[in-house]
Amino acid sequence: MAVSKKIKQFMEQGSWIRRMFEEGIALKQQYGEENVFYLSLGNPIMQPPPEFYDELRRIANDPPPGLHRYMPNAGHVETRAAIADELTCETALPFTADDVLMTVGAGGALNVVMHTLLDPGDEVVIFAPYFVEYFFYADNHGATCKVVPADENFLPDLDALADAIGPKTRIVLTSSPNNPTGVVYGREVIAEMGRVIRKREAELGTEVFLVSDEPYRKILFDGLEYPHIFEHHVRSVVATSHSKDLALPGERIGFIAVHPEYSDKEELIDGLTFCNRTLGFVNAPALMQHIVKNLQSVTVDVGTYEAQRDFMYGALTDIGYQVVKPQGAFYMFPKAPIDDDVKFTNMLRENRVLVVPGTGFGGPGHFRISYCVSDATLEGSLPGFRAAFEGAG
């Protein structure tokens, strides 16, 4: 056997998106690329904003000395300071460069956070529906996940959160706007989340960190403002990236930010920096650090995603699908018209529409659509969505 039994099992559990990707290739070979509608991968086709290319050209034409050398494992001070200034503007908290660590994307950031905070046997509480790799990240560091269910609007059951936090709980991990639903956890939800955590900390005599995975936080619709976690729990950490807000997923550039008023902040930052190095990341990509330093207030055209959200929401609900309207990101999570979401996604596949069954995200009975694709792909998918819906009776 080429791989361990555990990894083989994990590969099977986490294979839904990859499986749809491979099936999409086969269908395109059979029917032609323009006749297959691939809505299963969160890989935006949108190009980075013009300011990104301006910065890239500026650096290429006048590269700073030592551009490609090692830097402190936490990242370039000037880049961390620029992020800290942006966070201070958004939260009114006194962030400095010493509260920020540059990482290899949000996935790298979460693994660094978990490696720093978790002992073997500890628990990470997550909210359904969830990004399935949270389970694998926790396992990387000897921990396990406990899942808190959601209500019919995909908001977390906070009574269940209180029950889920036990003596082994070290992290409550939240993600908003959520993948796969696009739902934003509002200020009241985050405030109550913080209150529940503090209450359980007092009862159990433990410290629990509220960690927010938020690569979609700047992709918000309907004029919403992002409700940061920092004002609701002092033991709070953000792990994020510029993969989505600057359309740079392949560049793997992200950061960790620690609440500036956390009393043991210095030790935590030292631990995060140590783990960034010893996990093999060493440091975030140097060129990207220089570029994003001057792009902290820049995003892709969020209005494009909002228009695509409106189009797909209107079209699917007209067909008859039940859909909770997303408030951000570029996903939606319709209810399948039959109980078996895997069977229904196969029906969609027979109509050359590729989506991911909700079972893969802890949301059985639903399926995930990624609408960060061309308008032609979205429009072309609608006959398949209608045919599968009608075929489901």
Foldseek 3Di string as FASTA:
>chain_A
DPDDPVVVVVCVLQCQLVVLVVLLVVVCVVPNNLQFFEFADQQFPDAFDPLLVVLVVVCVVPPDPPLQPADQLQADQLLLQLLQVVVCVQPVANGHSLQKGKAQFLLRVLLLLLLLFAAAAAEEEEEPLADLCVQVSNVVNNYGYDYFYADPLRQGDVVSVLVPDDLRYAEYEYEPVGPPALAGQDQVSLLSNLVSQVVSCVVNVHHHEYEYEYQWQVLFDPPDHHNDNCVRHQRYKYRYAPCAFRVPVVQRITMMGHRPPNPCSNVSSVSSSVSCVVVPVSHRRSSVSSSCSPCSVHGGDSVVLVVLLVVLVVLLVVLPWAWNRRGTDFKRKIFQPDQAQVVLQVQLVVSSYHWGASVSSVDGRIIMGGRSDDPSSSVSSSVSSNVSNVVVD
